[in-house]
PDB file of N, CA and C in Angstrom:
ATOM      1  N   MET A   1     163.253  70.758  64.409  1.00  0.00           N
ATOM      2  CA  MET A   1     162.910  69.520  64.952  1.00  0.00           C
ATOM      3  C   MET A   1     162.991  69.349  66.138  1.00  0.00           C
ATOM      4  N   ASN A   2     162.058  69.354  67.297  1.00  0.00           N
ATOM      5  CA  ASN A   2     161.986  69.212  68.646  1.00  0.00           C
ATOM      6  C   ASN A   2     162.234  67.753  69.241  1.00  0.00           C
ATOM      7  N   GLU A   3     162.298  67.329  70.433  1.00  0.00           N
ATOM      8  CA  GLU A   3     162.480  66.101  71.064  1.00  0.00           C
ATOM      9  C   GLU A   3     161.494  65.135  70.937  1.00  0.00           C
ATOM     10  N   GLN A   4     160.160  66.000  70.746  1.00  0.00           N
ATOM     11  CA  GLN A   4     158.835  65.179  70.672  1.00  0.00           C
ATOM     12  C   GLN A   4     158.383  64.983  69.305  1.00  0.00           C
ATOM     13  N   ASP A   5     159.018  65.608  68.156  1.00  0.00           N
ATOM     14  CA  ASP A   5     158.741  65.385  67.135  1.00  0.00           C
ATOM     15  C   ASP A   5     159.870  64.085  66.662  1.00  0.00           C
ATOM     16  N   PHE A   6     161.037  64.515  67.000  1.00  0.00           N
ATOM     17  CA  PHE A   6     161.906  63.229  66.662  1.00  0.00           C
ATOM     18  C   PHE A   6     161.289  61.614  67.444  1.00  0.00           C
ATOM     19  N   GLN A   7     160.896  61.972  68.423  1.00  0.00           N
ATOM     20  CA  GLN A   7     160.386  60.516  69.041  1.00  0.00           C
ATOM     21  C   GLN A   7     159.138  60.119  68.312  1.00  0.00           C
ATOM     22  N   GLN A   8     158.475  60.945  67.691  1.00  0.00           N
ATOM     23  CA  GLN A   8     157.274  60.804  67.219  1.00  0.00           C
ATOM     24  C   GLN A   8     157.712  60.139  65.746  1.00  0.00           C
ATOM     25  N   ARG A   9     158.703  60.620  65.000  1.00  0.00           N
ATOM     26  CA  ARG A   9     159.116  60.564  63.672  1.00  0.00           C
ATOM     27  C   ARG A   9     159.749  59.002  64.057  1.00  0.00           C
ATOM     28  N   THR A  10     160.518  58.743  64.678  1.00  0.00           N
ATOM     29  CA  THR A  10     161.082  57.309  64.971  1.00  0.00           C
ATOM     30  C   THR A  10     160.170  56.471  64.980  1.00  0.00           C
ATOM     31  N   ALA A  11     159.199  56.665  65.950  1.00  0.00           N
ATOM     32  CA  ALA A  11     158.156  55.721  66.107  1.00  0.00           C
ATOM     33  C   ALA A  11     157.453  55.338  64.799  1.00  0.00           C
ATOM     34  N   ASP A  12     156.849  56.512  64.330  1.00  0.00           N
ATOM     35  CA  ASP A  12     156.270  56.223  62.681  1.00  0.00           C
ATOM     36  C   ASP A  12     157.203  55.617  61.783  1.00  0.00           C
ATOM     37  N   ILE A  13     158.381  55.448  61.903  1.00  0.00           N
ATOM     38  CA  ILE A  13     159.556  54.732  60.595  1.00  0.00           C
ATOM     39  C   ILE A  13     159.290  53.315  61.286  1.00  0.00           C
ATOM     40  N   SER A  14     159.826  53.457  62.975  1.00  0.00           N
ATOM     41  CA  SER A  14     159.839  51.991  63.075  1.00  0.00           C
ATOM     42  C   SER A  14     158.321  50.942  62.958  1.00  0.00           C
ATOM     43  N   GLN A  15     157.324  51.647  63.182  1.00  0.00           N
ATOM     44  CA  GLN A  15     156.104  51.189  62.721  1.00  0.00           C
ATOM     45  C   GLN A  15     155.790  50.863  61.251  1.00  0.00           C
ATOM     46  N   ALA A  16     156.465  51.388  60.322  1.00  0.00           N
ATOM     47  CA  ALA A  16     156.377  51.553  58.720  1.00  0.00           C
ATOM     48  C   ALA A  16     157.300  50.222  58.358  1.00  0.00           C
ATOM     49  N   ASP A  17     158.618  49.671  59.255  1.00  0.00           N
ATOM     50  CA  ASP A  17     159.206  48.987  59.305  1.00  0.00           C
ATOM     51  C   ASP A  17     158.604  47.506  59.304  1.00  0.00           C
ATOM     52  N   LYS A  18     157.838  47.622  60.101  1.00  0.00           N
ATOM     53  CA  LYS A  18     157.204  46.110  60.499  1.00  0.00           C
ATOM     54  C   LYS A  18     155.971  45.830  59.698  1.00  0.00           C
ATOM     55  N   THR A  19     156.009  44.553  59.221  1.00  0.00           N
ATOM     56  CA  THR A  19     154.970  43.595  58.796  1.00  0.00           C
ATOM     57  C   THR A  19     154.312  42.758  59.649  1.00  0.00           C
ATOM     58  N   PRO A  20     152.976  42.334  59.288  1.00  0.00           N
ATOM     59  CA  PRO A  20     152.190  41.455  60.197  1.00  0.00           C
ATOM     60  C   PRO A  20     153.126  40.461  60.254  1.00  0.00           C
ATOM     61  N   SER A  21     153.794  39.906  59.232  1.00  0.00           N
ATOM     62  CA  SER A  21     154.514  38.202  59.792  1.00  0.00           C
ATOM     63  C   SER A  21     155.813  38.620  60.086  1.00  0.00           C
ATOM     64  N   GLN A  22     156.416  39.809  60.299  1.00  0.00           N
ATOM     65  CA  GLN A  22     157.901  40.316  60.955  1.00  0.00           C
ATOM     66  C   GLN A  22     157.827  41.276  61.819  1.00  0.00           C
ATOM     67  N   GLU A  23     158.429  40.961  62.942  1.00  0.00           N
ATOM     68  CA  GLU A  23     158.770  42.109  63.867  1.00  0.00           C
ATOM     69  C   GLU A  23     160.262  42.443  63.919  1.00  0.00           C
ATOM     70  N   ILE A  24     160.578  43.334  64.515  1.00  0.00           N
ATOM     71  CA  ILE A  24     162.035  43.750  64.806  1.00  0.00           C
ATOM     72  C   ILE A  24     162.006  43.282  66.060  1.00  0.00           C
ATOM     73  N   SER A  25     163.459  42.708  66.225  1.00  0.00           N
ATOM     74  CA  SER A  25     163.769  42.320  67.376  1.00  0.00           C
ATOM     75  C   SER A  25     164.115  43.513  68.485  1.00  0.00           C
ATOM     76  N   GLN A  26     164.025  43.332  69.900  1.00  0.00           N
ATOM     77  CA  GLN A  26     164.274  44.534  70.724  1.00  0.00           C
ATOM     78  C   GLN A  26     165.550  44.908  70.401  1.00  0.00           C
ATOM     79  N   LEU A  27     166.512  44.255  70.101  1.00  0.00           N
ATOM     80  CA  LEU A  27     167.853  44.562  70.094  1.00  0.00           C
ATOM     81  C   LEU A  27     168.119  45.400  68.801  1.00  0.00           C
ATOM     82  N   SER A  28     167.717  44.806  67.605  1.00  0.00           N
ATOM     83  CA  SER A  28     167.634  45.469  66.334  1.00  0.00           C
ATOM     84  C   SER A  28     166.822  47.081  66.433  1.00  0.00           C
ATOM     85  N   HIS A  29     165.826  46.814  67.319  1.00  0.00           N
ATOM     86  CA  HIS A  29     165.163  48.172  67.259  1.00  0.00           C
ATOM     87  C   HIS A  29     165.943  49.327  68.221  1.00  0.00           C
ATOM     88  N   ALA A  30     166.640  48.900  68.881  1.00  0.00           N
ATOM     89  CA  ALA A  30     167.433  49.559  70.041  1.00  0.00           C
ATOM     90  C   ALA A  30     168.380  50.119  69.395  1.00  0.00           C
ATOM     91  N   VAL A  31     169.277  49.334  68.349  1.00  0.00           N
ATOM     92  CA  VAL A  31     170.346  49.800  67.482  1.00  0.00           C
ATOM     93  C   VAL A  31     169.950  50.989  66.496  1.00  0.00           C
ATOM     94  N   LYS A  32     168.808  50.406  65.912  1.00  0.00           N
ATOM     95  CA  LYS A  32     168.418  51.304  65.018  1.00  0.00           C
ATOM     96  C   LYS A  32     167.809  52.898  65.494  1.00  0.00           C
ATOM     97  N   HIS A  33     167.172  52.747  66.343  1.00  0.00           N
ATOM     98  CA  HIS A  33     166.661  53.927  67.383  1.00  0.00           C
ATOM     99  C   HIS A  33     167.762  54.845  67.860  1.00  0.00           C
ATOM    100  N   SER A  34     168.859  54.081  68.323  1.00  0.00           N
ATOM    101  CA  SER A  34     170.504  54.712  68.758  1.00  0.00           C
ATOM    102  C   SER A  34     170.970  55.307  67.468  1.00  0.00           C
ATOM    103  N   ILE A  35     171.226  54.711  66.593  1.00  0.00           N
ATOM    104  CA  ILE A  35     171.532  55.370  65.093  1.00  0.00           C
ATOM    105  C   ILE A  35     171.005  56.432  64.714  1.00  0.00           C
ATOM    106  N   ARG A  36     169.677  56.196  64.925  1.00  0.00           N
ATOM    107  CA  ARG A  36     168.741  57.662  64.526  1.00  0.00           C
ATOM    108  C   ARG A  36     169.211  58.751  65.169  1.00  0.00           C
ATOM    109  N   ARG A  37     169.181  58.420  66.446  1.00  0.00           N
ATOM    110  CA  ARG A  37     169.178  59.660  67.546  1.00  0.00           C
ATOM    111  C   ARG A  37     170.624  60.279  67.282  1.00  0.00           C
ATOM    112  N   TYR A  38     171.570  59.262  67.116  1.00  0.00           N
ATOM    113  CA  TYR A  38     172.726  60.058  67.008  1.00  0.00           C
ATOM    114  C   TYR A  38     172.716  61.114  65.900  1.00  0.00           C
ATOM    115  N   LEU A  39     172.238  60.235  64.776  1.00  0.00           N
ATOM    116  CA  LEU A  39     172.185  61.186  63.353  1.00  0.00           C
ATOM    117  C   LEU A  39     171.409  62.728  63.669  1.00  0.00           C
ATOM    118  N   PHE A  40     170.306  62.293  64.570  1.00  0.00           N
ATOM    119  CA  PHE A  40     169.576  63.835  64.546  1.00  0.00           C
ATOM    120  C   PHE A  40     170.288  64.561  65.561  1.00  0.00           C
ATOM    121  N   GLU A  41     171.140  64.078  66.343  1.00  0.00           N
ATOM    122  CA  GLU A  41     171.884  65.099  67.286  1.00  0.00           C
ATOM    123  C   GLU A  41     172.942  65.682  66.599  1.00  0.00           C
ATOM    124  N   LEU A  42     173.387  64.993  65.449  1.00  0.00           N
ATOM    125  CA  LEU A  42     174.487  66.038  64.819  1.00  0.00           C
ATOM    126  C   LEU A  42     174.001  67.375  64.240  1.00  0.00           C
ATOM    127  N   GLU A  43     172.891  67.197  64.062  1.00  0.00           N
ATOM    128  CA  GLU A  43     172.259  68.414  63.652  1.00  0.00           C
ATOM    129  C   GLU A  43     172.690  68.579  62.298  1.00  0.00           C
ATOM    130  N   GLY A  44     172.970  67.970  61.333  1.00  0.00           N
ATOM    131  CA  GLY A  44     173.122  68.042  59.937  1.00  0.00           C
ATOM    132  C   GLY A  44     174.699  67.894  59.685  1.00  0.00           C
ATOM    133  N   THR A  45     175.447  67.811  60.656  1.00  0.00           N
ATOM    134  CA  THR A  45     176.776  67.533  60.499  1.00  0.00           C
ATOM    135  C   THR A  45     176.935  66.206  60.089  1.00  0.00           C
ATOM    136  N   GLN A  46     177.904  66.341  58.784  1.00  0.00           N
ATOM    137  CA  GLN A  46     178.113  64.350  58.284  1.00  0.00           C
ATOM    138  C   GLN A  46     179.196  63.747  59.264  1.00  0.00           C
ATOM    139  N   PRO A  47     178.561  62.779  59.544  1.00  0.00           N
ATOM    140  CA  PRO A  47     179.759  61.983  60.376  1.00  0.00           C
ATOM    141  C   PRO A  47     180.546  61.236  59.586  1.00  0.00           C
ATOM    142  N   ASN A  48     181.466  60.676  60.353  1.00  0.00           N
ATOM    143  CA  ASN A  48     182.624  60.122  59.549  1.00  0.00           C
ATOM    144  C   ASN A  48     182.705  58.544  60.112  1.00  0.00           C
ATOM    145  N   ASN A  49     183.192  57.636  59.225  1.00  0.00           N
ATOM    146  CA  ASN A  49     183.363  56.328  59.689  1.00  0.00           C
ATOM    147  C   ASN A  49     182.398  55.630  60.645  1.00  0.00           C
ATOM    148  N   MET A  50     181.378  55.953  60.091  1.00  0.00           N
ATOM    149  CA  MET A  50     180.047  55.237  61.071  1.00  0.00           C
ATOM    150  C   MET A  50     180.154  53.858  61.005  1.00  0.00           C
ATOM    151  N   TYR A  51     180.647  53.310  60.254  1.00  0.00           N
ATOM    152  CA  TYR A  51     180.555  51.627  60.344  1.00  0.00           C
ATOM    153  C   TYR A  51     181.603  51.204  61.571  1.00  0.00           C
ATOM    154  N   GLU A  52     182.777  51.653  61.713  1.00  0.00           N
ATOM    155  CA  GLU A  52     184.030  51.736  62.657  1.00  0.00           C
ATOM    156  C   GLU A  52     183.173  52.113  64.190  1.00  0.00           C
ATOM    157  N   LEU A  53     182.541  53.205  64.153  1.00  0.00           N
ATOM    158  CA  LEU A  53     181.994  53.886  65.488  1.00  0.00           C
ATOM    159  C   LEU A  53     180.675  52.664  66.084  1.00  0.00           C
ATOM    160  N   VAL A  54     179.947  52.612  65.026  1.00  0.00           N
ATOM    161  CA  VAL A  54     178.884  51.710  65.515  1.00  0.00           C
ATOM    162  C   VAL A  54     179.735  50.226  66.224  1.00  0.00           C
ATOM    163  N   LEU A  55     180.497  49.669  65.389  1.00  0.00           N
ATOM    164  CA  LEU A  55     181.176  48.413  65.590  1.00  0.00           C
ATOM    165  C   LEU A  55     181.673  48.688  67.235  1.00  0.00           C
ATOM    166  N   LYS A  56     182.780  49.863  67.320  1.00  0.00           N
ATOM    167  CA  LYS A  56     183.024  49.859  68.490  1.00  0.00           C
ATOM    168  C   LYS A  56     182.252  49.872  69.755  1.00  0.00           C
ATOM    169  N   GLN A  57     181.115  50.926  69.497  1.00  0.00           N
ATOM    170  CA  GLN A  57     180.072  50.952  70.463  1.00  0.00           C
ATOM    171  C   GLN A  57     179.035  49.849  71.026  1.00  0.00           C
ATOM    172  N   ILE A  58     178.935  48.890  69.921  1.00  0.00           N
ATOM    173  CA  ILE A  58     178.437  47.542  70.154  1.00  0.00           C
ATOM    174  C   ILE A  58     179.142  46.506  70.558  1.00  0.00           C
ATOM    175  N   GLU A  59     180.379  46.437  70.256  1.00  0.00           N
ATOM    176  CA  GLU A  59     181.238  45.373  70.705  1.00  0.00           C
ATOM    177  C   GLU A  59     181.531  45.159  72.112  1.00  0.00           C
ATOM    178  N   GLN A  60     182.127  46.376  72.746  1.00  0.00           N
ATOM    179  CA  GLN A  60     182.644  46.406  73.891  1.00  0.00           C
ATOM    180  C   GLN A  60     181.525  45.853  75.044  1.00  0.00           C
ATOM    181  N   PRO A  61     180.230  46.707  74.333  1.00  0.00           N
ATOM    182  CA  PRO A  61     179.023  45.848  75.842  1.00  0.00           C
ATOM    183  C   PRO A  61     178.825  44.530  75.298  1.00  0.00           C
ATOM    184  N   LEU A  62     179.090  44.103  74.159  1.00  0.00           N
ATOM    185  CA  LEU A  62     178.590  43.101  73.798  1.00  0.00           C
ATOM    186  C   LEU A  62     179.725  41.704  74.685  1.00  0.00           C
ATOM    187  N   PHE A  63     180.826  42.166  74.476  1.00  0.00           N
ATOM    188  CA  PHE A  63     182.000  41.377  75.134  1.00  0.00           C
ATOM    189  C   PHE A  63     181.896  41.501  76.469  1.00  0.00           C
ATOM    190  N   GLU A  64     181.679  42.689  76.963  1.00  0.00           N
ATOM    191  CA  GLU A  64     181.419  42.878  78.462  1.00  0.00           C
ATOM    192  C   GLU A  64     180.143  41.902  79.141  1.00  0.00           C
ATOM    193  N   ALA A  65     179.173  42.007  78.387  1.00  0.00           N
ATOM    194  CA  ALA A  65     177.876  40.961  78.624  1.00  0.00           C
ATOM    195  C   ALA A  65     178.010  39.949  78.605  1.00  0.00           C
ATOM    196  N   ILE A  66     178.691  39.100  77.672  1.00  0.00           N
ATOM    197  CA  ILE A  66     179.002  37.932  77.389  1.00  0.00           C
ATOM    198  C   ILE A  66     180.126  37.503  78.381  1.00  0.00           C
ATOM    199  N   LEU A  67     180.860  37.966  78.945  1.00  0.00           N
ATOM    200  CA  LEU A  67     182.072  37.789  79.598  1.00  0.00           C
ATOM    201  C   LEU A  67     181.355  37.580  81.226  1.00  0.00           C
ATOM    202  N   ASP A  68     180.551  38.594  81.566  1.00  0.00           N
ATOM    203  CA  ASP A  68     179.622  38.492  82.712  1.00  0.00           C
ATOM    204  C   ASP A  68     178.895  37.171  82.420  1.00  0.00           C
ATOM    205  N   HIS A  69     178.117  36.848  81.982  1.00  0.00           N
ATOM    206  CA  HIS A  69     177.327  35.851  81.418  1.00  0.00           C
ATOM    207  C   HIS A  69     178.116  34.401  81.550  1.00  0.00           C
ATOM    208  N   THR A  70     179.559  34.359  81.221  1.00  0.00           N
ATOM    209  CA  THR A  70     179.956  33.330  81.295  1.00  0.00           C
ATOM    210  C   THR A  70     181.118  33.350  82.516  1.00  0.00           C
ATOM    211  N   LYS A  71     180.918  34.000  83.285  1.00  0.00           N
ATOM    212  CA  LYS A  71     181.877  34.518  84.605  1.00  0.00           C
ATOM    213  C   LYS A  71     183.278  34.459  84.282  1.00  0.00           C
ATOM    214  N   GLY A  72     183.355  35.068  83.185  1.00  0.00           N
ATOM    215  CA  GLY A  72     184.897  35.440  82.620  1.00  0.00           C
ATOM    216  C   GLY A  72     185.503  34.461  82.103  1.00  0.00           C
ATOM    217  N   ASN A  73     184.907  33.177  81.667  1.00  0.00           N
ATOM    218  CA  ASN A  73     185.359  32.079  81.000  1.00  0.00           C
ATOM    219  C   ASN A  73     185.438  32.182  79.333  1.00  0.00           C
ATOM    220  N   GLN A  74     186.506  32.925  78.887  1.00  0.00           N
ATOM    221  CA  GLN A  74     186.965  33.254  77.562  1.00  0.00           C
ATOM    222  C   GLN A  74     186.758  32.135  76.544  1.00  0.00           C
ATOM    223  N   SER A  75     187.127  30.932  76.638  1.00  0.00           N
ATOM    224  CA  SER A  75     186.573  29.994  75.896  1.00  0.00           C
ATOM    225  C   SER A  75     184.918  29.856  75.547  1.00  0.00           C
ATOM    226  N   ARG A  76     184.292  29.672  76.625  1.00  0.00           N
ATOM    227  CA  ARG A  76     182.778  29.645  76.553  1.00  0.00           C
ATOM    228  C   ARG A  76     182.368  31.122  75.922  1.00  0.00           C
ATOM    229  N   ALA A  77     182.883  31.796  76.159  1.00  0.00           N
ATOM    230  CA  ALA A  77     182.638  33.293  75.627  1.00  0.00           C
ATOM    231  C   ALA A  77     182.883  33.428  73.884  1.00  0.00           C
ATOM    232  N   ALA A  78     184.033  32.536  73.658  1.00  0.00           N
ATOM    233  CA  ALA A  78     184.034  32.393  72.429  1.00  0.00           C
ATOM    234  C   ALA A  78     183.408  31.625  71.305  1.00  0.00           C
ATOM    235  N   GLU A  79     182.912  30.737  72.193  1.00  0.00           N
ATOM    236  CA  GLU A  79     182.112  29.896  71.660  1.00  0.00           C
ATOM    237  C   GLU A  79     180.507  30.488  71.282  1.00  0.00           C
ATOM    238  N   LEU A  80     180.222  30.998  72.451  1.00  0.00           N
ATOM    239  CA  LEU A  80     178.905  31.861  72.366  1.00  0.00           C
ATOM    240  C   LEU A  80     178.837  32.878  71.212  1.00  0.00           C
ATOM    241  N   LEU A  81     179.938  33.339  71.050  1.00  0.00           N
ATOM    242  CA  LEU A  81     180.131  34.461  70.094  1.00  0.00           C
ATOM    243  C   LEU A  81     180.446  33.759  68.632  1.00  0.00           C
ATOM    244  N   GLY A  82     180.442  32.678  68.799  1.00  0.00           N
ATOM    245  CA  GLY A  82     181.239  32.090  67.578  1.00  0.00           C
ATOM    246  C   GLY A  82     182.438  32.822  66.982  1.00  0.00           C
ATOM    247  N   LEU A  83     183.409  32.894  67.727  1.00  0.00           N
ATOM    248  CA  LEU A  83     184.755  33.116  67.329  1.00  0.00           C
ATOM    249  C   LEU A  83     185.773  32.563  67.883  1.00  0.00           C
ATOM    250  N   ASN A  84     186.677  32.627  67.282  1.00  0.00           N
ATOM    251  CA  ASN A  84     187.940  31.884  67.659  1.00  0.00           C
ATOM    252  C   ASN A  84     188.467  32.138  69.013  1.00  0.00           C
ATOM    253  N   ARG A  85     189.085  31.447  69.949  1.00  0.00           N
ATOM    254  CA  ARG A  85     189.586  32.046  70.795  1.00  0.00           C
ATOM    255  C   ARG A  85     190.565  33.107  71.012  1.00  0.00           C
ATOM    256  N   GLY A  86     191.532  32.971  69.997  1.00  0.00           N
ATOM    257  CA  GLY A  86     192.369  33.806  69.944  1.00  0.00           C
ATOM    258  C   GLY A  86     192.202  35.061  69.371  1.00  0.00           C
ATOM    259  N   THR A  87     190.926  35.207  68.559  1.00  0.00           N
ATOM    260  CA  THR A  87     190.351  36.583  68.035  1.00  0.00           C
ATOM    261  C   THR A  87     189.616  37.311  69.062  1.00  0.00           C
ATOM    262  N   LEU A  88     188.840  36.207  70.270  1.00  0.00           N
ATOM    263  CA  LEU A  88     188.412  37.142  70.924  1.00  0.00           C
ATOM    264  C   LEU A  88     189.349  37.876  71.880  1.00  0.00           C
ATOM    265  N   ARG A  89     190.504  36.985  72.533  1.00  0.00           N
ATOM    266  CA  ARG A  89     191.119  37.573  72.956  1.00  0.00           C
ATOM    267  C   ARG A  89     191.987  38.823  72.357  1.00  0.00           C
ATOM    268  N   LYS A  90     192.233  38.783  71.205  1.00  0.00           N
ATOM    269  CA  LYS A  90     192.437  40.034  70.654  1.00  0.00           C
ATOM    270  C   LYS A  90     191.612  41.309  70.606  1.00  0.00           C
ATOM    271  N   LYS A  91     190.719  40.924  70.684  1.00  0.00           N
ATOM    272  CA  LYS A  91     189.443  41.873  70.614  1.00  0.00           C
ATOM    273  C   LYS A  91     189.540  42.589  72.144  1.00  0.00           C
ATOM    274  N   LEU A  92     189.256  41.798  72.960  1.00  0.00           N
ATOM    275  CA  LEU A  92     189.053  41.872  74.435  1.00  0.00           C
ATOM    276  C   LEU A  92     190.392  42.837  74.669  1.00  0.00           C
ATOM    277  N   ARG A  93     191.523  42.580  74.171  1.00  0.00           N
ATOM    278  CA  ARG A  93     192.757  43.419  74.310  1.00  0.00           C
ATOM    279  C   ARG A  93     192.651  44.804  73.937  1.00  0.00           C
ATOM    280  N   SER A  94     192.187  44.950  72.606  1.00  0.00           N
ATOM    281  CA  SER A  94     191.697  46.148  72.199  1.00  0.00           C
ATOM    282  C   SER A  94     190.859  47.047  72.904  1.00  0.00           C
ATOM    283  N   TYR A  95     189.866  46.379  73.644  1.00  0.00           N
ATOM    284  CA  TYR A  95     189.295  47.225  74.620  1.00  0.00           C
ATOM    285  C   TYR A  95     189.259  47.264  75.858  1.00  0.00           C
ATOM    286  N   ASP A  96     190.552  46.627  76.119  1.00  0.00           N
ATOM    287  CA  ASP A  96     191.317  46.559  77.641  1.00  0.00           C
ATOM    288  C   ASP A  96     190.223  45.924  78.452  1.00  0.00           C
ATOM    289  N   LEU A  97     189.894  44.511  77.819  1.00  0.00           N
ATOM    290  CA  LEU A  97     189.037  43.720  79.119  1.00  0.00           C
ATOM    291  C   LEU A  97     189.631  42.683  78.864  1.00  0.00           C
ATOM    292  N   HIS A  98     190.992  42.472  78.815  1.00  0.00           N
ATOM    293  CA  HIS A  98     191.616  41.103  79.104  1.00  0.00           C
ATOM    294  C   HIS A  98     192.074  41.050  80.580  1.00  0.00           C
ATOM    295  N   LYS A  99     192.066  39.483  81.210  1.00  0.00           N
ATOM    296  CA  LYS A  99     192.667  39.512  82.292  1.00  0.00           C
ATOM    297  C   LYS A  99     193.630  38.502  82.377  1.00  0.00           C
TER     298      LYS A  99
END
């Protein structure tokens, strides 16, 4: 399957996922597309620990964006994320994002 075939197939799948009363959010669509692309690029190799991999790939940019939005205010960031401030601080340390 070449790049053009892959793009068409993912577009067809995305359209099949939609119903008239329900649209996929941009974020959801982007995540789904990225996962499909990752799997396609593995060329048949079986991935391991996909759940952990995806969480790490999503959490860090999420924390970075929220911290930028809150101008580094961790209490406000924790509130926006629906996390306990201590939990957020622990996660920020794990990604070396603490200050």
